């Protein structure tokens, strides 16, 4: 049963409803990890070790570079496959389901069949846009993922982003 209305009686500025799907969460995880400086640093360091091992073994520079690039790509492929398997193997009924988000006068409310959360504007850490979705971070590791299809148009998506950024002064 889709959420009909949030319990918070405050007037809301904007409301959207959407079904979050497996591919939405997987795409979000991929972007989140790929854009993480710590993860990038670790994987680039691993690629450098491959390059260094090949160079030290006397391989031509082009071969060593190819091995480093191949290792880097393989690491990301394994990471993506792990994320997919992990996501499939977990009970995600409260994540991969219908969501309703309201931008209210004093914060952001989110509801599924099983949960209701409210975050005051000061609790919004940042808002990011990526191909396919918007993510509203309420901490460095927790975000509301909103697929672009949740918005009737790109102008509605822009209005949503503007409302959050103006209300919450989020990044």
N, C-alpha and C. Protein backbone atom coordinates (compact mmCIF):
# COMPACT_ATOMS: atom_id res chain seq x y z
N UNK A 1 0.85 -1.18 0.00
CA UNK A 1 0.00 0.00 0.00
C UNK A 1 0.89 1.24 0.00
N UNK A 2 0.75 2.12 -0.97
CA UNK A 2 1.59 3.31 -1.02
C UNK A 2 1.22 4.30 0.07
N UNK A 3 2.19 5.03 0.58
CA UNK A 3 1.90 6.03 1.59
C UNK A 3 0.94 7.08 1.03
N UNK A 4 -0.02 7.45 1.83
CA UNK A 4 -1.00 8.44 1.38
C UNK A 4 -0.64 9.83 1.88
N UNK A 5 -0.30 9.95 3.15
CA UNK A 5 0.10 11.25 3.65
C UNK A 5 0.99 11.06 4.87
N UNK A 6 1.84 11.99 5.08
CA UNK A 6 2.74 11.91 6.22
C UNK A 6 2.01 12.41 7.46
N UNK A 7 2.41 11.89 8.59
CA UNK A 7 1.73 12.22 9.83
C UNK A 7 2.00 13.65 10.29
N UNK A 8 3.10 14.21 9.88
CA UNK A 8 3.44 15.56 10.30
C UNK A 8 2.41 16.55 9.77
N UNK A 9 1.76 17.32 10.63
CA UNK A 9 0.67 18.19 10.19
C UNK A 9 1.12 19.48 9.52
N UNK A 10 2.41 19.74 9.47
CA UNK A 10 2.88 20.99 8.88
C UNK A 10 2.58 21.05 7.39
N UNK A 11 2.37 22.25 6.92
CA UNK A 11 2.14 22.46 5.49
C UNK A 11 3.41 22.09 4.73
N UNK A 12 3.25 21.44 3.59
CA UNK A 12 4.43 21.08 2.83
C UNK A 12 4.56 21.96 1.59
N UNK A 13 5.81 22.12 1.17
CA UNK A 13 6.14 22.95 0.03
C UNK A 13 6.05 22.14 -1.25
N UNK A 14 6.50 20.89 -1.19
CA UNK A 14 6.50 20.02 -2.36
C UNK A 14 6.44 18.57 -1.89
N UNK A 15 5.76 17.74 -2.68
CA UNK A 15 5.64 16.32 -2.35
C UNK A 15 5.87 15.51 -3.62
N UNK A 16 6.68 14.46 -3.50
CA UNK A 16 6.88 13.54 -4.62
C UNK A 16 6.74 12.12 -4.10
N UNK A 17 6.28 11.23 -4.97
CA UNK A 17 6.19 9.81 -4.66
C UNK A 17 6.88 9.05 -5.79
N UNK A 18 7.54 7.95 -5.42
CA UNK A 18 8.24 7.17 -6.42
C UNK A 18 8.52 5.78 -5.89
N UNK A 19 8.75 4.86 -6.79
CA UNK A 19 9.18 3.51 -6.45
C UNK A 19 10.69 3.45 -6.64
N UNK A 20 11.40 3.21 -5.56
CA UNK A 20 12.85 3.05 -5.64
C UNK A 20 13.12 1.60 -6.03
N UNK A 21 13.93 1.41 -7.05
CA UNK A 21 14.18 0.08 -7.59
C UNK A 21 15.63 -0.35 -7.33
N UNK A 22 15.86 -1.64 -7.53
CA UNK A 22 17.19 -2.23 -7.35
C UNK A 22 18.24 -1.46 -8.15
N UNK A 23 17.95 -1.17 -9.41
CA UNK A 23 18.93 -0.49 -10.26
C UNK A 23 19.22 0.92 -9.77
N UNK A 24 18.23 1.58 -9.16
CA UNK A 24 18.45 2.92 -8.61
C UNK A 24 19.47 2.87 -7.48
N UNK A 25 19.29 1.91 -6.58
CA UNK A 25 20.20 1.79 -5.44
C UNK A 25 21.59 1.38 -5.91
N UNK A 26 21.66 0.47 -6.86
CA UNK A 26 22.95 0.03 -7.39
C UNK A 26 23.69 1.18 -8.07
N UNK A 27 22.98 1.97 -8.86
CA UNK A 27 23.58 3.14 -9.52
C UNK A 27 24.07 4.15 -8.49
N UNK A 28 23.26 4.40 -7.47
CA UNK A 28 23.66 5.32 -6.41
C UNK A 28 24.94 4.84 -5.73
N UNK A 29 24.98 3.55 -5.36
CA UNK A 29 26.17 3.01 -4.70
C UNK A 29 27.41 3.14 -5.59
N UNK A 30 27.24 2.87 -6.86
CA UNK A 30 28.38 2.96 -7.79
C UNK A 30 28.92 4.39 -7.84
N UNK A 31 28.03 5.37 -8.01
CA UNK A 31 28.48 6.77 -8.05
C UNK A 31 29.08 7.18 -6.72
N UNK A 32 28.42 6.81 -5.62
CA UNK A 32 28.89 7.19 -4.29
C UNK A 32 30.31 6.67 -4.06
N UNK A 33 30.56 5.42 -4.41
CA UNK A 33 31.89 4.85 -4.20
C UNK A 33 32.90 5.40 -5.19
N UNK A 34 32.50 5.54 -6.45
CA UNK A 34 33.43 6.01 -7.47
C UNK A 34 33.91 7.42 -7.18
N UNK A 35 33.04 8.24 -6.61
CA UNK A 35 33.39 9.63 -6.33
C UNK A 35 34.00 9.82 -4.94
N UNK A 36 34.21 8.74 -4.21
CA UNK A 36 34.82 8.82 -2.89
C UNK A 36 36.34 8.95 -3.03
N UNK A 37 36.92 10.02 -2.50
CA UNK A 37 38.38 10.16 -2.58
C UNK A 37 39.11 9.00 -1.91
N UNK A 38 38.59 8.50 -0.80
CA UNK A 38 39.25 7.39 -0.10
C UNK A 38 39.26 6.12 -0.95
N UNK A 39 38.12 5.80 -1.55
CA UNK A 39 38.04 4.59 -2.38
C UNK A 39 38.91 4.76 -3.62
N UNK A 40 38.82 5.92 -4.26
CA UNK A 40 39.65 6.17 -5.44
C UNK A 40 41.13 6.05 -5.09
N UNK A 41 41.51 6.65 -3.97
CA UNK A 41 42.91 6.58 -3.55
C UNK A 41 43.38 5.15 -3.35
N UNK A 42 42.56 4.34 -2.70
CA UNK A 42 42.91 2.94 -2.47
C UNK A 42 43.05 2.18 -3.78
N UNK A 43 42.10 2.36 -4.70
CA UNK A 43 42.14 1.62 -5.96
C UNK A 43 43.25 2.12 -6.87
N UNK A 44 43.53 3.42 -6.84
CA UNK A 44 44.66 3.94 -7.62
C UNK A 44 45.99 3.45 -7.06
N UNK A 45 46.05 3.33 -5.74
CA UNK A 45 47.26 2.79 -5.12
C UNK A 45 47.47 1.33 -5.55
N UNK A 46 46.39 0.56 -5.58
CA UNK A 46 46.49 -0.83 -6.04
C UNK A 46 46.96 -0.88 -7.49
N UNK A 47 46.42 0.01 -8.33
CA UNK A 47 46.84 0.06 -9.74
C UNK A 47 48.32 0.44 -9.84
N UNK A 48 48.75 1.37 -8.99
CA UNK A 48 50.16 1.77 -8.98
C UNK A 48 51.04 0.57 -8.62
N UNK A 49 50.62 -0.25 -7.66
CA UNK A 49 51.39 -1.44 -7.30
C UNK A 49 51.53 -2.39 -8.49
N UNK A 50 50.45 -2.54 -9.27
CA UNK A 50 50.53 -3.37 -10.47
C UNK A 50 51.53 -2.76 -11.45
N UNK A 51 51.46 -1.45 -11.65
CA UNK A 51 52.39 -0.78 -12.56
C UNK A 51 53.83 -0.96 -12.08
N UNK A 52 54.03 -0.75 -10.78
CA UNK A 52 55.37 -0.85 -10.21
C UNK A 52 55.93 -2.28 -10.34
N UNK A 53 55.09 -3.27 -10.07
CA UNK A 53 55.53 -4.67 -10.19
C UNK A 53 55.92 -4.99 -11.63
N UNK A 54 55.11 -4.53 -12.58
CA UNK A 54 55.42 -4.78 -14.00
C UNK A 54 56.68 -4.04 -14.42
N UNK A 55 56.80 -2.79 -14.00
CA UNK A 55 57.99 -2.00 -14.35
C UNK A 55 59.25 -2.61 -13.75
N UNK A 56 59.15 -3.03 -12.49
CA UNK A 56 60.30 -3.64 -11.81
C UNK A 56 60.71 -4.96 -12.44
N UNK A 57 59.75 -5.64 -13.06
CA UNK A 57 60.04 -6.93 -13.71
C UNK A 57 60.63 -6.72 -15.10
N UNK A 58 60.79 -5.46 -15.51
CA UNK A 58 61.41 -5.17 -16.79
C UNK A 58 60.44 -5.06 -17.95
N UNK A 59 59.16 -5.03 -17.67
CA UNK A 59 58.17 -4.88 -18.76
C UNK A 59 58.27 -3.49 -19.37
N UNK A 60 57.99 -3.37 -20.67
CA UNK A 60 57.97 -2.04 -21.29
C UNK A 60 56.94 -1.14 -20.61
N UNK A 61 57.16 0.15 -20.66
CA UNK A 61 56.29 1.12 -19.99
C UNK A 61 54.84 0.98 -20.44
N UNK A 62 54.63 0.76 -21.74
CA UNK A 62 53.27 0.62 -22.25
C UNK A 62 52.58 -0.61 -21.67
N UNK A 63 53.31 -1.71 -21.52
CA UNK A 63 52.74 -2.92 -20.93
C UNK A 63 52.41 -2.71 -19.46
N UNK A 64 53.31 -2.06 -18.75
CA UNK A 64 53.08 -1.79 -17.32
C UNK A 64 51.86 -0.89 -17.14
N UNK A 65 51.75 0.13 -18.00
CA UNK A 65 50.60 1.03 -17.93
C UNK A 65 49.31 0.28 -18.24
N UNK A 66 49.35 -0.59 -19.25
CA UNK A 66 48.17 -1.38 -19.60
C UNK A 66 47.75 -2.26 -18.42
N UNK A 67 48.70 -2.90 -17.77
CA UNK A 67 48.39 -3.76 -16.62
C UNK A 67 47.78 -2.95 -15.48
N UNK A 68 48.31 -1.76 -15.25
CA UNK A 68 47.77 -0.91 -14.17
C UNK A 68 46.33 -0.50 -14.48
N UNK A 69 46.08 -0.11 -15.73
CA UNK A 69 44.72 0.30 -16.13
C UNK A 69 43.78 -0.90 -16.08
N UNK A 70 44.24 -2.04 -16.54
CA UNK A 70 43.41 -3.25 -16.50
C UNK A 70 43.10 -3.65 -15.06
N UNK A 71 44.08 -3.54 -14.18
CA UNK A 71 43.86 -3.87 -12.77
C UNK A 71 42.84 -2.92 -12.15
N UNK A 72 42.97 -1.63 -12.45
CA UNK A 72 42.04 -0.62 -11.94
C UNK A 72 40.62 -0.93 -12.41
N UNK A 73 40.46 -1.23 -13.69
CA UNK A 73 39.13 -1.55 -14.24
C UNK A 73 38.59 -2.84 -13.63
N UNK A 74 39.44 -3.82 -13.43
CA UNK A 74 39.01 -5.08 -12.83
C UNK A 74 38.56 -4.89 -11.39
N UNK A 75 39.28 -4.08 -10.64
CA UNK A 75 38.90 -3.80 -9.25
C UNK A 75 37.50 -3.19 -9.21
N UNK A 76 37.23 -2.21 -10.08
CA UNK A 76 35.91 -1.58 -10.10
C UNK A 76 34.83 -2.57 -10.56
N UNK A 77 35.16 -3.45 -11.49
CA UNK A 77 34.20 -4.46 -11.94
C UNK A 77 33.84 -5.40 -10.79
N UNK A 78 34.84 -5.83 -10.05
CA UNK A 78 34.60 -6.71 -8.90
C UNK A 78 33.79 -5.97 -7.84
N UNK A 79 34.12 -4.71 -7.60
CA UNK A 79 33.39 -3.91 -6.61
C UNK A 79 31.92 -3.79 -6.99
N UNK A 80 31.65 -3.49 -8.26
CA UNK A 80 30.28 -3.35 -8.74
C UNK A 80 29.52 -4.68 -8.60
N UNK A 81 30.17 -5.78 -8.97
CA UNK A 81 29.54 -7.10 -8.85
C UNK A 81 29.27 -7.44 -7.38
N UNK A 82 30.21 -7.11 -6.51
CA UNK A 82 30.00 -7.33 -5.08
C UNK A 82 28.81 -6.53 -4.58
N UNK A 83 28.73 -5.26 -4.97
CA UNK A 83 27.59 -4.43 -4.56
C UNK A 83 26.27 -5.05 -5.01
N UNK A 84 26.22 -5.51 -6.24
CA UNK A 84 24.99 -6.11 -6.77
C UNK A 84 24.63 -7.37 -5.99
N UNK A 85 25.61 -8.25 -5.76
CA UNK A 85 25.34 -9.48 -5.01
C UNK A 85 24.93 -9.17 -3.57
N UNK A 86 25.58 -8.22 -2.97
CA UNK A 86 25.26 -7.84 -1.59
C UNK A 86 23.84 -7.28 -1.51
N UNK A 87 23.49 -6.44 -2.46
CA UNK A 87 22.16 -5.84 -2.48
C UNK A 87 21.08 -6.90 -2.70
N UNK A 88 21.35 -7.87 -3.57
CA UNK A 88 20.39 -8.94 -3.83
C UNK A 88 20.22 -9.83 -2.59
N UNK A 89 21.31 -10.05 -1.87
CA UNK A 89 21.29 -11.00 -0.76
C UNK A 89 20.69 -10.43 0.52
N UNK A 90 20.46 -9.15 0.59
CA UNK A 90 19.95 -8.52 1.80
C UNK A 90 18.45 -8.31 1.69
N UNK A 91 17.81 -8.20 2.84
CA UNK A 91 16.39 -7.88 2.87
C UNK A 91 16.27 -6.36 2.78
N UNK A 92 15.82 -5.88 1.65
CA UNK A 92 15.77 -4.44 1.39
C UNK A 92 14.34 -3.95 1.17
N UNK A 93 13.38 -4.62 1.80
CA UNK A 93 11.98 -4.26 1.61
C UNK A 93 11.62 -2.86 2.03
N UNK A 94 12.42 -2.28 2.90
CA UNK A 94 12.15 -0.91 3.32
C UNK A 94 12.92 0.11 2.49
N UNK A 95 13.82 -0.36 1.64
CA UNK A 95 14.57 0.53 0.76
C UNK A 95 14.01 0.44 -0.66
N UNK A 96 13.91 -0.76 -1.16
CA UNK A 96 13.41 -0.97 -2.52
C UNK A 96 11.89 -1.10 -2.43
N UNK A 97 11.24 0.05 -2.41
CA UNK A 97 9.79 0.12 -2.22
C UNK A 97 9.30 1.51 -2.64
N UNK A 98 8.04 1.78 -2.41
CA UNK A 98 7.46 3.09 -2.70
C UNK A 98 7.86 4.06 -1.59
N UNK A 99 8.28 5.24 -2.00
CA UNK A 99 8.67 6.30 -1.08
C UNK A 99 7.84 7.55 -1.35
N UNK A 100 7.63 8.32 -0.31
CA UNK A 100 7.03 9.65 -0.44
C UNK A 100 7.96 10.62 0.29
N UNK A 101 8.27 11.71 -0.36
CA UNK A 101 9.11 12.74 0.25
C UNK A 101 8.37 14.06 0.19
N UNK A 102 8.35 14.73 1.33
CA UNK A 102 7.75 16.06 1.40
C UNK A 102 8.80 17.05 1.85
N UNK A 103 8.88 18.15 1.13
CA UNK A 103 9.67 19.28 1.59
C UNK A 103 8.71 20.13 2.39
N UNK A 104 8.94 20.20 3.70
CA UNK A 104 8.06 20.95 4.58
C UNK A 104 8.72 22.25 4.99
N UNK A 105 7.98 23.06 5.69
CA UNK A 105 8.51 24.37 6.07
C UNK A 105 9.75 24.26 6.95
N UNK A 106 9.82 23.23 7.78
CA UNK A 106 10.95 23.13 8.70
C UNK A 106 11.88 21.94 8.44
N UNK A 107 11.66 21.21 7.34
CA UNK A 107 12.56 20.11 7.04
C UNK A 107 12.03 19.17 5.98
N UNK A 108 12.67 18.02 5.88
CA UNK A 108 12.33 17.03 4.87
C UNK A 108 11.74 15.80 5.57
N UNK A 109 10.57 15.37 5.11
CA UNK A 109 9.93 14.17 5.65
C UNK A 109 9.94 13.09 4.58
N UNK A 110 10.22 11.85 5.00
CA UNK A 110 10.24 10.73 4.06
C UNK A 110 9.46 9.59 4.69
N UNK A 111 8.69 8.88 3.85
CA UNK A 111 7.86 7.79 4.36
C UNK A 111 7.83 6.63 3.38
N UNK A 112 7.86 5.43 3.96
CA UNK A 112 7.60 4.20 3.22
C UNK A 112 6.47 3.49 3.96
N UNK A 113 6.17 2.27 3.56
CA UNK A 113 5.15 1.50 4.27
C UNK A 113 5.54 1.23 5.72
N UNK A 114 6.83 1.17 5.97
CA UNK A 114 7.31 0.75 7.29
C UNK A 114 7.94 1.85 8.12
N UNK A 115 8.30 2.97 7.51
CA UNK A 115 9.01 4.01 8.26
C UNK A 115 8.48 5.39 7.94
N UNK A 116 8.76 6.28 8.88
CA UNK A 116 8.51 7.70 8.71
C UNK A 116 9.70 8.42 9.33
N UNK A 117 10.38 9.25 8.56
CA UNK A 117 11.51 9.99 9.11
C UNK A 117 11.31 11.47 8.83
N UNK A 118 11.92 12.27 9.68
CA UNK A 118 11.88 13.71 9.49
C UNK A 118 13.26 14.26 9.82
N UNK A 119 13.79 15.10 8.95
CA UNK A 119 15.09 15.72 9.16
C UNK A 119 14.90 17.22 9.05
N UNK A 120 15.29 17.94 10.08
CA UNK A 120 15.22 19.40 10.01
C UNK A 120 16.23 19.89 8.98
N UNK A 121 15.97 21.07 8.44
CA UNK A 121 16.83 21.58 7.38
C UNK A 121 18.30 21.61 7.78
N UNK A 122 18.58 21.92 9.03
CA UNK A 122 19.97 21.96 9.49
C UNK A 122 20.63 20.58 9.43
N UNK A 123 19.83 19.52 9.40
CA UNK A 123 20.35 18.16 9.35
C UNK A 123 20.65 17.65 7.95
N UNK A 124 20.33 18.43 6.94
CA UNK A 124 20.64 18.04 5.56
C UNK A 124 22.11 18.37 5.30
N UNK A 125 22.91 17.33 5.08
CA UNK A 125 24.35 17.53 4.90
C UNK A 125 24.68 18.09 3.52
N UNK A 126 24.07 17.51 2.48
CA UNK A 126 24.31 17.99 1.12
C UNK A 126 23.29 17.37 0.19
N UNK A 127 23.18 17.98 -0.97
CA UNK A 127 22.30 17.48 -2.03
C UNK A 127 23.16 17.37 -3.28
N UNK A 128 23.11 16.21 -3.93
CA UNK A 128 23.90 16.02 -5.15
C UNK A 128 23.00 15.56 -6.28
N UNK A 129 23.39 15.92 -7.47
CA UNK A 129 22.70 15.43 -8.67
C UNK A 129 23.70 14.60 -9.46
N UNK A 130 23.22 13.48 -9.91
CA UNK A 130 24.02 12.58 -10.72
C UNK A 130 23.16 12.11 -11.88
N UNK A 131 23.75 11.55 -12.91
CA UNK A 131 22.93 11.02 -14.00
C UNK A 131 21.96 9.97 -13.45
N UNK A 132 20.68 10.24 -13.60
CA UNK A 132 19.67 9.28 -13.19
C UNK A 132 19.02 9.52 -11.85
N UNK A 133 19.61 10.36 -10.99
CA UNK A 133 19.02 10.53 -9.67
C UNK A 133 19.51 11.79 -8.97
N UNK A 134 18.80 12.10 -7.88
CA UNK A 134 19.17 13.13 -6.92
C UNK A 134 19.38 12.40 -5.60
N UNK A 135 20.38 12.79 -4.84
CA UNK A 135 20.59 12.20 -3.51
C UNK A 135 20.62 13.32 -2.48
N UNK A 136 19.81 13.17 -1.45
CA UNK A 136 19.76 14.12 -0.35
C UNK A 136 20.43 13.43 0.84
N UNK A 137 21.66 13.85 1.14
CA UNK A 137 22.43 13.24 2.21
C UNK A 137 22.03 13.84 3.55
N UNK A 138 21.75 12.95 4.51
CA UNK A 138 21.49 13.41 5.87
C UNK A 138 22.68 13.06 6.78
N UNK A 139 23.66 12.37 6.23
CA UNK A 139 24.97 12.14 6.85
C UNK A 139 25.92 11.76 5.72
N UNK A 140 27.18 11.52 6.06
CA UNK A 140 28.13 11.17 5.00
C UNK A 140 27.84 9.81 4.38
N UNK A 141 27.10 8.95 5.08
CA UNK A 141 26.83 7.60 4.59
C UNK A 141 25.35 7.28 4.42
N UNK A 142 24.47 8.24 4.63
CA UNK A 142 23.04 7.98 4.55
C UNK A 142 22.38 9.05 3.68
N UNK A 143 21.64 8.58 2.69
CA UNK A 143 21.00 9.53 1.77
C UNK A 143 19.64 9.01 1.32
N UNK A 144 18.77 9.95 1.01
CA UNK A 144 17.52 9.62 0.33
C UNK A 144 17.83 9.69 -1.16
N UNK A 145 17.64 8.58 -1.86
CA UNK A 145 17.92 8.49 -3.29
C UNK A 145 16.61 8.67 -4.03
N UNK A 146 16.58 9.66 -4.91
CA UNK A 146 15.36 9.98 -5.65
C UNK A 146 15.65 9.89 -7.14
N UNK A 147 15.08 8.88 -7.80
CA UNK A 147 15.33 8.74 -9.25
C UNK A 147 14.68 9.89 -10.03
N UNK A 148 15.28 10.23 -11.14
CA UNK A 148 14.74 11.32 -11.97
C UNK A 148 13.30 11.09 -12.38
N UNK A 149 12.89 9.83 -12.53
CA UNK A 149 11.52 9.55 -12.96
C UNK A 149 10.48 9.96 -11.91
N UNK A 150 10.93 10.28 -10.69
CA UNK A 150 10.02 10.74 -9.64
C UNK A 150 9.47 12.13 -9.96
N UNK A 151 10.16 12.83 -10.84
CA UNK A 151 9.76 14.19 -11.18
C UNK A 151 9.04 14.20 -12.52
N UNK A 152 7.98 14.99 -12.60
CA UNK A 152 7.19 15.07 -13.83
C UNK A 152 7.99 15.69 -14.97
N UNK A 153 8.97 16.52 -14.63
CA UNK A 153 9.76 17.20 -15.66
C UNK A 153 11.10 17.63 -15.06
N UNK A 154 12.00 18.06 -15.91
CA UNK A 154 13.29 18.55 -15.42
C UNK A 154 13.10 19.85 -14.65
N UNK A 155 12.09 20.63 -15.00
CA UNK A 155 11.84 21.87 -14.26
C UNK A 155 11.33 21.56 -12.85
N UNK A 156 10.54 20.48 -12.70
CA UNK A 156 10.10 20.10 -11.36
C UNK A 156 11.30 19.62 -10.53
N UNK A 157 12.20 18.89 -11.16
CA UNK A 157 13.43 18.44 -10.48
C UNK A 157 14.25 19.65 -10.04
N UNK A 158 14.40 20.63 -10.94
CA UNK A 158 15.14 21.84 -10.60
C UNK A 158 14.48 22.60 -9.46
N UNK A 159 13.14 22.66 -9.46
CA UNK A 159 12.40 23.34 -8.39
C UNK A 159 12.62 22.63 -7.05
N UNK A 160 12.64 21.30 -7.09
CA UNK A 160 12.90 20.49 -5.89
C UNK A 160 14.29 20.81 -5.34
N UNK A 161 15.29 20.80 -6.21
CA UNK A 161 16.66 21.10 -5.78
C UNK A 161 16.78 22.51 -5.24
N UNK A 162 16.16 23.46 -5.91
CA UNK A 162 16.20 24.86 -5.46
C UNK A 162 15.55 25.00 -4.10
N UNK A 163 14.40 24.35 -3.91
CA UNK A 163 13.69 24.44 -2.63
C UNK A 163 14.55 23.89 -1.49
N UNK A 164 15.21 22.77 -1.72
CA UNK A 164 16.07 22.20 -0.67
C UNK A 164 17.26 23.11 -0.40
N UNK A 165 17.89 23.56 -1.45
CA UNK A 165 19.10 24.38 -1.27
C UNK A 165 18.78 25.72 -0.61
N UNK A 166 17.63 26.29 -0.91
CA UNK A 166 17.26 27.56 -0.29
C UNK A 166 16.77 27.36 1.15
N UNK A 167 15.99 26.32 1.37
CA UNK A 167 15.45 26.07 2.71
C UNK A 167 16.51 25.57 3.66
N UNK A 168 17.30 24.63 3.19
CA UNK A 168 18.27 24.00 4.06
C UNK A 168 19.67 24.54 3.94
N UNK A 169 19.89 25.39 2.95
CA UNK A 169 21.22 25.87 2.67
C UNK A 169 22.20 24.72 2.53
N UNK A 170 21.69 23.63 1.92
CA UNK A 170 22.52 22.45 1.68
C UNK A 170 23.44 22.70 0.50
N UNK A 171 24.55 22.00 0.50
CA UNK A 171 25.54 22.13 -0.58
C UNK A 171 25.00 21.54 -1.86
